[in-house]
Amino acid sequence: MCHRQLRLWKATQCGHLTFTGETNIDCGSRDCYNSSAHPSTCGAPGTGTVCRCRRYYTQPERIVTHEVDTKCPRCQ
């Protein structure tokens, strides 16, 4: 299923993670509404069908890009 990759950095003095960005990851599945492989005609008006494909992202993948020997902005 499609999911997001969250990029974070970790402040080692307090242990908190700080968000720096995200990337959407395409699962490539035809039955996932969020995928680029999902057909545009699925459930289209006039076809008499309803799109019943998955419409949600799974849990995000959290990636710590680096650690810094400091406190996070909230704890400073």
PDB file of N, CA and C in Angstrom:
ATOM      1  N   MET A   1       0.824  -1.185   0.000  1.00  0.00           N
ATOM      2  CA  MET A   1       0.000   0.000   0.000  1.00  0.00           C
ATOM      3  C   MET A   1       0.867   1.247   0.000  1.00  0.00           C
ATOM      4  N   CYS A   2       0.338   2.305  -0.518  1.00  0.00           N
ATOM      5  CA  CYS A   2       1.054   3.566  -0.514  1.00  0.00           C
ATOM      6  C   CYS A   2       1.279   4.007   0.930  1.00  0.00           C
ATOM      7  N   HIS A   3       2.399   4.652   1.144  1.00  0.00           N
ATOM      8  CA  HIS A   3       2.699   5.162   2.471  1.00  0.00           C
ATOM      9  C   HIS A   3       3.594   6.390   2.340  1.00  0.00           C
ATOM     10  N   ARG A   4       3.822   7.038   3.464  1.00  0.00           N
ATOM     11  CA  ARG A   4       4.684   8.215   3.489  1.00  0.00           C
ATOM     12  C   ARG A   4       5.986   7.870   4.208  1.00  0.00           C
ATOM     13  N   GLN A   5       7.068   8.463   3.761  1.00  0.00           N
ATOM     14  CA  GLN A   5       8.335   8.384   4.480  1.00  0.00           C
ATOM     15  C   GLN A   5       8.527   9.736   5.147  1.00  0.00           C
ATOM     16  N   LEU A   6       8.634   9.727   6.458  1.00  0.00           N
ATOM     17  CA  LEU A   6       8.861  10.956   7.208  1.00  0.00           C
ATOM     18  C   LEU A   6      10.347  11.052   7.522  1.00  0.00           C
ATOM     19  N   ARG A   7      10.955  12.194   7.210  1.00  0.00           N
ATOM     20  CA  ARG A   7      12.355  12.419   7.528  1.00  0.00           C
ATOM     21  C   ARG A   7      12.442  13.269   8.789  1.00  0.00           C
ATOM     22  N   LEU A   8      13.248  12.797   9.746  1.00  0.00           N
ATOM     23  CA  LEU A   8      13.375  13.467  11.035  1.00  0.00           C
ATOM     24  C   LEU A   8      14.838  13.507  11.454  1.00  0.00           C
ATOM     25  N   TRP A   9      15.171  14.456  12.326  1.00  0.00           N
ATOM     26  CA  TRP A   9      16.483  14.420  12.955  1.00  0.00           C
ATOM     27  C   TRP A   9      16.263  14.286  14.452  1.00  0.00           C
ATOM     28  N   LYS A  10      17.229  13.668  15.124  1.00  0.00           N
ATOM     29  CA  LYS A  10      17.088  13.385  16.555  1.00  0.00           C
ATOM     30  C   LYS A  10      18.060  14.236  17.363  1.00  0.00           C
ATOM     31  N   ALA A  11      17.524  14.896  18.390  1.00  0.00           N
ATOM     32  CA  ALA A  11      18.335  15.651  19.344  1.00  0.00           C
ATOM     33  C   ALA A  11      18.716  14.688  20.462  1.00  0.00           C
ATOM     34  N   THR A  12      20.003  14.389  20.600  1.00  0.00           N
ATOM     35  CA  THR A  12      20.423  13.361  21.558  1.00  0.00           C
ATOM     36  C   THR A  12      20.293  13.794  23.013  1.00  0.00           C
ATOM     37  N   GLN A  13      20.330  15.093  23.313  1.00  0.00           N
ATOM     38  CA  GLN A  13      20.251  15.547  24.705  1.00  0.00           C
ATOM     39  C   GLN A  13      18.855  15.398  25.297  1.00  0.00           C
ATOM     40  N   CYS A  14      17.810  15.462  24.470  1.00  0.00           N
ATOM     41  CA  CYS A  14      16.446  15.300  24.992  1.00  0.00           C
ATOM     42  C   CYS A  14      15.734  14.089  24.381  1.00  0.00           C
ATOM     43  N   GLY A  15      16.268  13.564  23.271  1.00  0.00           N
ATOM     44  CA  GLY A  15      15.681  12.384  22.644  1.00  0.00           C
ATOM     45  C   GLY A  15      14.521  12.661  21.707  1.00  0.00           C
ATOM     46  N   HIS A  16      14.158  13.927  21.534  1.00  0.00           N
ATOM     47  CA  HIS A  16      13.028  14.260  20.663  1.00  0.00           C
ATOM     48  C   HIS A  16      13.410  14.225  19.190  1.00  0.00           C
ATOM     49  N   LEU A  17      12.412  13.938  18.369  1.00  0.00           N
ATOM     50  CA  LEU A  17      12.576  13.929  16.917  1.00  0.00           C
ATOM     51  C   LEU A  17      11.957  15.196  16.342  1.00  0.00           C
ATOM     52  N   THR A  18      12.609  15.777  15.342  1.00  0.00           N
ATOM     53  CA  THR A  18      12.104  16.983  14.685  1.00  0.00           C
ATOM     54  C   THR A  18      11.881  16.679  13.208  1.00  0.00           C
ATOM     55  N   PHE A  19      10.679  16.949  12.738  1.00  0.00           N
ATOM     56  CA  PHE A  19      10.267  16.691  11.357  1.00  0.00           C
ATOM     57  C   PHE A  19      10.996  17.628  10.405  1.00  0.00           C
ATOM     58  N   THR A  20      11.544  17.058   9.303  1.00  0.00           N
ATOM     59  CA  THR A  20      12.206  17.892   8.294  1.00  0.00           C
ATOM     60  C   THR A  20      11.582  17.763   6.908  1.00  0.00           C
ATOM     61  N   GLY A  21      10.793  16.727   6.670  1.00  0.00           N
ATOM     62  CA  GLY A  21      10.162  16.578   5.357  1.00  0.00           C
ATOM     63  C   GLY A  21       9.520  15.213   5.195  1.00  0.00           C
ATOM     64  N   GLU A  22       8.834  15.039   4.073  1.00  0.00           N
ATOM     65  CA  GLU A  22       8.178  13.761   3.799  1.00  0.00           C
ATOM     66  C   GLU A  22       8.181  13.469   2.311  1.00  0.00           C
ATOM     67  N   THR A  23       8.049  12.182   1.982  1.00  0.00           N
ATOM     68  CA  THR A  23       7.966  11.722   0.606  1.00  0.00           C
ATOM     69  C   THR A  23       6.849  10.693   0.519  1.00  0.00           C
ATOM     70  N   ASN A  24       5.992  10.818  -0.474  1.00  0.00           N
ATOM     71  CA  ASN A  24       4.954   9.821  -0.693  1.00  0.00           C
ATOM     72  C   ASN A  24       5.547   8.671  -1.509  1.00  0.00           C
ATOM     73  N   ILE A  25       5.321   7.441  -1.038  1.00  0.00           N
ATOM     74  CA  ILE A  25       5.827   6.244  -1.705  1.00  0.00           C
ATOM     75  C   ILE A  25       4.662   5.536  -2.387  1.00  0.00           C
ATOM     76  N   ASP A  26       4.761   5.352  -3.684  1.00  0.00           N
ATOM     77  CA  ASP A  26       3.712   4.721  -4.492  1.00  0.00           C
ATOM     78  C   ASP A  26       3.871   3.206  -4.441  1.00  0.00           C
ATOM     79  N   CYS A  27       2.792   2.487  -4.099  1.00  0.00           N
ATOM     80  CA  CYS A  27       2.855   1.030  -3.997  1.00  0.00           C
ATOM     81  C   CYS A  27       2.734   0.348  -5.360  1.00  0.00           C
ATOM     82  N   GLY A  28       2.241   1.065  -6.367  1.00  0.00           N
ATOM     83  CA  GLY A  28       2.125   0.500  -7.703  1.00  0.00           C
ATOM     84  C   GLY A  28       0.965  -0.476  -7.870  1.00  0.00           C
ATOM     85  N   SER A  29       0.022  -0.462  -6.934  1.00  0.00           N
ATOM     86  CA  SER A  29      -1.097  -1.399  -6.982  1.00  0.00           C
ATOM     87  C   SER A  29      -2.315  -0.772  -7.674  1.00  0.00           C
ATOM     88  N   ARG A  30      -2.941  -1.542  -8.548  1.00  0.00           N
ATOM     89  CA  ARG A  30      -4.129  -1.055  -9.252  1.00  0.00           C
ATOM     90  C   ARG A  30      -5.338  -0.874  -8.331  1.00  0.00           C
ATOM     91  N   ASP A  31      -5.372  -1.596  -7.194  1.00  0.00           N
ATOM     92  CA  ASP A  31      -6.525  -1.476  -6.307  1.00  0.00           C
ATOM     93  C   ASP A  31      -6.276  -0.517  -5.139  1.00  0.00           C
ATOM     94  N   CYS A  32      -5.295   0.370  -5.292  1.00  0.00           N
ATOM     95  CA  CYS A  32      -5.022   1.423  -4.302  1.00  0.00           C
ATOM     96  C   CYS A  32      -5.330   2.765  -4.964  1.00  0.00           C
ATOM     97  N   TYR A  33      -6.286   3.492  -4.425  1.00  0.00           N
ATOM     98  CA  TYR A  33      -6.736   4.755  -5.000  1.00  0.00           C
ATOM     99  C   TYR A  33      -5.597   5.775  -5.087  1.00  0.00           C
ATOM    100  N   ASN A  34      -4.656   5.734  -4.145  1.00  0.00           N
ATOM    101  CA  ASN A  34      -3.563   6.710  -4.095  1.00  0.00           C
ATOM    102  C   ASN A  34      -2.418   6.389  -5.047  1.00  0.00           C
ATOM    103  N   SER A  35      -2.427   5.222  -5.661  1.00  0.00           N
ATOM    104  CA  SER A  35      -1.332   4.792  -6.528  1.00  0.00           C
ATOM    105  C   SER A  35      -1.474   5.360  -7.939  1.00  0.00           C
ATOM    106  N   SER A  36      -0.340   5.585  -8.573  1.00  0.00           N
ATOM    107  CA  SER A  36      -0.361   6.047  -9.972  1.00  0.00           C
ATOM    108  C   SER A  36      -0.857   4.933 -10.897  1.00  0.00           C
ATOM    109  N   ALA A  37      -0.837   3.683 -10.429  1.00  0.00           N
ATOM    110  CA  ALA A  37      -1.305   2.552 -11.228  1.00  0.00           C
ATOM    111  C   ALA A  37      -2.825   2.379 -11.162  1.00  0.00           C
ATOM    112  N   HIS A  38      -3.516   3.150 -10.298  1.00  0.00           N
ATOM    113  CA  HIS A  38      -4.970   3.049 -10.182  1.00  0.00           C
ATOM    114  C   HIS A  38      -5.607   3.598 -11.459  1.00  0.00           C
ATOM    115  N   PRO A  39      -6.474   2.809 -12.109  1.00  0.00           N
ATOM    116  CA  PRO A  39      -7.069   3.277 -13.371  1.00  0.00           C
ATOM    117  C   PRO A  39      -8.020   4.457 -13.151  1.00  0.00           C
ATOM    118  N   SER A  40      -7.922   5.439 -14.022  1.00  0.00           N
ATOM    119  CA  SER A  40      -8.778   6.626 -13.898  1.00  0.00           C
ATOM    120  C   SER A  40     -10.241   6.296 -14.185  1.00  0.00           C
ATOM    121  N   THR A  41     -10.513   5.173 -14.826  1.00  0.00           N
ATOM    122  CA  THR A  41     -11.883   4.780 -15.154  1.00  0.00           C
ATOM    123  C   THR A  41     -12.553   3.984 -14.037  1.00  0.00           C
ATOM    124  N   CYS A  42     -11.831   3.685 -12.960  1.00  0.00           N
ATOM    125  CA  CYS A  42     -12.394   2.905 -11.851  1.00  0.00           C
ATOM    126  C   CYS A  42     -13.488   3.720 -11.155  1.00  0.00           C
ATOM    127  N   GLY A  43     -14.712   3.276 -11.265  1.00  0.00           N
ATOM    128  CA  GLY A  43     -15.836   3.962 -10.627  1.00  0.00           C
ATOM    129  C   GLY A  43     -16.214   5.273 -11.291  1.00  0.00           C
ATOM    130  N   ALA A  44     -15.823   5.454 -12.541  1.00  0.00           N
ATOM    131  CA  ALA A  44     -16.111   6.700 -13.247  1.00  0.00           C
ATOM    132  C   ALA A  44     -17.611   6.862 -13.472  1.00  0.00           C
ATOM    133  N   PRO A  45     -18.095   8.105 -13.453  1.00  0.00           N
ATOM    134  CA  PRO A  45     -19.518   8.347 -13.719  1.00  0.00           C
ATOM    135  C   PRO A  45     -19.939   7.752 -15.059  1.00  0.00           C
ATOM    136  N   GLY A  46     -21.090   7.142 -15.072  1.00  0.00           N
ATOM    137  CA  GLY A  46     -21.615   6.556 -16.290  1.00  0.00           C
ATOM    138  C   GLY A  46     -21.237   5.100 -16.493  1.00  0.00           C
ATOM    139  N   THR A  47     -20.330   4.559 -15.652  1.00  0.00           N
ATOM    140  CA  THR A  47     -19.931   3.162 -15.802  1.00  0.00           C
ATOM    141  C   THR A  47     -20.837   2.232 -15.004  1.00  0.00           C
ATOM    142  N   GLY A  48     -21.598   2.790 -14.075  1.00  0.00           N
ATOM    143  CA  GLY A  48     -22.499   1.976 -13.263  1.00  0.00           C
ATOM    144  C   GLY A  48     -21.793   1.247 -12.128  1.00  0.00           C
ATOM    145  N   THR A  49     -20.515   1.561 -11.892  1.00  0.00           N
ATOM    146  CA  THR A  49     -19.778   0.925 -10.800  1.00  0.00           C
ATOM    147  C   THR A  49     -19.275   1.978  -9.817  1.00  0.00           C
ATOM    148  N   VAL A  50     -18.954   1.533  -8.636  1.00  0.00           N
ATOM    149  CA  VAL A  50     -18.419   2.402  -7.601  1.00  0.00           C
ATOM    150  C   VAL A  50     -16.990   1.948  -7.301  1.00  0.00           C
ATOM    151  N   CYS A  51     -16.071   2.883  -7.175  1.00  0.00           N
ATOM    152  CA  CYS A  51     -14.692   2.542  -6.840  1.00  0.00           C
ATOM    153  C   CYS A  51     -14.637   2.092  -5.378  1.00  0.00           C
ATOM    154  N   ARG A  52     -14.206   0.858  -5.168  1.00  0.00           N
ATOM    155  CA  ARG A  52     -14.105   0.308  -3.818  1.00  0.00           C
ATOM    156  C   ARG A  52     -12.644   0.055  -3.434  1.00  0.00           C
ATOM    157  N   CYS A  53     -11.757   0.755  -4.102  1.00  0.00           N
ATOM    158  CA  CYS A  53     -10.325   0.587  -3.848  1.00  0.00           C
ATOM    159  C   CYS A  53      -9.910   1.246  -2.532  1.00  0.00           C
ATOM    160  N   ARG A  54      -8.798   0.769  -1.966  1.00  0.00           N
ATOM    161  CA  ARG A  54      -8.268   1.352  -0.723  1.00  0.00           C
ATOM    162  C   ARG A  54      -7.985   2.829  -0.937  1.00  0.00           C
ATOM    163  N   ARG A  55      -8.352   3.647   0.037  1.00  0.00           N
ATOM    164  CA  ARG A  55      -8.173   5.091  -0.083  1.00  0.00           C
ATOM    165  C   ARG A  55      -7.371   5.684   1.070  1.00  0.00           C
ATOM    166  N   TYR A  56      -6.562   4.890   1.703  1.00  0.00           N
ATOM    167  CA  TYR A  56      -5.823   5.389   2.859  1.00  0.00           C
ATOM    168  C   TYR A  56      -4.356   4.960   2.763  1.00  0.00           C
ATOM    169  N   TYR A  57      -3.524   5.707   3.431  1.00  0.00           N
ATOM    170  CA  TYR A  57      -2.108   5.370   3.525  1.00  0.00           C
ATOM    171  C   TYR A  57      -1.903   4.475   4.741  1.00  0.00           C
ATOM    172  N   THR A  58      -0.923   3.577   4.673  1.00  0.00           N
ATOM    173  CA  THR A  58      -0.566   2.782   5.845  1.00  0.00           C
ATOM    174  C   THR A  58       0.265   3.667   6.780  1.00  0.00           C
ATOM    175  N   GLN A  59       0.693   3.101   7.892  1.00  0.00           N
ATOM    176  CA  GLN A  59       1.500   3.866   8.844  1.00  0.00           C
ATOM    177  C   GLN A  59       2.750   4.410   8.156  1.00  0.00           C
ATOM    178  N   PRO A  60       3.132   5.639   8.483  1.00  0.00           N
ATOM    179  CA  PRO A  60       4.314   6.204   7.836  1.00  0.00           C
ATOM    180  C   PRO A  60       5.597   5.516   8.290  1.00  0.00           C
ATOM    181  N   GLU A  61       6.563   5.520   7.415  1.00  0.00           N
ATOM    182  CA  GLU A  61       7.892   5.012   7.726  1.00  0.00           C
ATOM    183  C   GLU A  61       8.709   6.188   8.246  1.00  0.00           C
ATOM    184  N   ARG A  62       9.226   6.077   9.455  1.00  0.00           N
ATOM    185  CA  ARG A  62       9.993   7.172  10.061  1.00  0.00           C
ATOM    186  C   ARG A  62      11.485   6.920   9.856  1.00  0.00           C
ATOM    187  N   ILE A  63      12.158   7.884   9.242  1.00  0.00           N
ATOM    188  CA  ILE A  63      13.585   7.750   8.954  1.00  0.00           C
ATOM    189  C   ILE A  63      14.334   8.876   9.665  1.00  0.00           C
ATOM    190  N   VAL A  64      15.213   8.506  10.594  1.00  0.00           N
ATOM    191  CA  VAL A  64      16.054   9.489  11.269  1.00  0.00           C
ATOM    192  C   VAL A  64      17.279   9.708  10.380  1.00  0.00           C
ATOM    193  N   THR A  65      17.378  10.903   9.819  1.00  0.00           N
ATOM    194  CA  THR A  65      18.447  11.201   8.869  1.00  0.00           C
ATOM    195  C   THR A  65      19.770  11.466   9.563  1.00  0.00           C
ATOM    196  N   HIS A  66      19.727  12.064  10.747  1.00  0.00           N
ATOM    197  CA  HIS A  66      20.956  12.299  11.498  1.00  0.00           C
ATOM    198  C   HIS A  66      20.621  12.619  12.952  1.00  0.00           C
ATOM    199  N   GLU A  67      21.636  12.531  13.801  1.00  0.00           N
ATOM    200  CA  GLU A  67      21.506  12.859  15.218  1.00  0.00           C
ATOM    201  C   GLU A  67      22.431  14.031  15.520  1.00  0.00           C
ATOM    202  N   VAL A  68      21.939  14.934  16.390  1.00  0.00           N
ATOM    203  CA  VAL A  68      22.715  16.108  16.745  1.00  0.00           C
ATOM    204  C   VAL A  68      22.840  16.147  18.266  1.00  0.00           C
ATOM    205  N   ASP A  69      24.035  16.421  18.772  1.00  0.00           N
ATOM    206  CA  ASP A  69      24.274  16.465  20.208  1.00  0.00           C
ATOM    207  C   ASP A  69      23.829  17.820  20.764  1.00  0.00           C
ATOM    208  N   THR A  70      22.515  17.995  20.830  1.00  0.00           N
ATOM    209  CA  THR A  70      21.911  19.226  21.320  1.00  0.00           C
ATOM    210  C   THR A  70      20.494  18.919  21.786  1.00  0.00           C
ATOM    211  N   LYS A  71      19.799  19.937  22.280  1.00  0.00           N
ATOM    212  CA  LYS A  71      18.382  19.809  22.606  1.00  0.00           C
ATOM    213  C   LYS A  71      17.576  20.230  21.377  1.00  0.00           C
ATOM    214  N   CYS A  72      16.361  19.711  21.264  1.00  0.00           N
ATOM    215  CA  CYS A  72      15.491  20.097  20.157  1.00  0.00           C
ATOM    216  C   CYS A  72      15.031  21.545  20.339  1.00  0.00           C
ATOM    217  N   PRO A  73      14.476  22.154  19.297  1.00  0.00           N
ATOM    218  CA  PRO A  73      14.015  23.544  19.400  1.00  0.00           C
ATOM    219  C   PRO A  73      12.977  23.755  20.512  1.00  0.00           C
ATOM    220  N   ARG A  74      12.160  22.769  20.807  1.00  0.00           N
ATOM    221  CA  ARG A  74      11.144  22.919  21.854  1.00  0.00           C
ATOM    222  C   ARG A  74      11.751  22.943  23.249  1.00  0.00           C
ATOM    223  N   CYS A  75      12.858  22.223  23.453  1.00  0.00           N
ATOM    224  CA  CYS A  75      13.459  22.104  24.777  1.00  0.00           C
ATOM    225  C   CYS A  75      14.545  23.151  25.052  1.00  0.00           C
ATOM    226  N   GLN A  76      14.974  23.872  24.030  1.00  0.00           N
ATOM    227  CA  GLN A  76      16.061  24.858  24.223  1.00  0.00           C
ATOM    228  C   GLN A  76      15.619  26.030  25.054  1.00  0.00           C
TER     229      GLN A  76
END
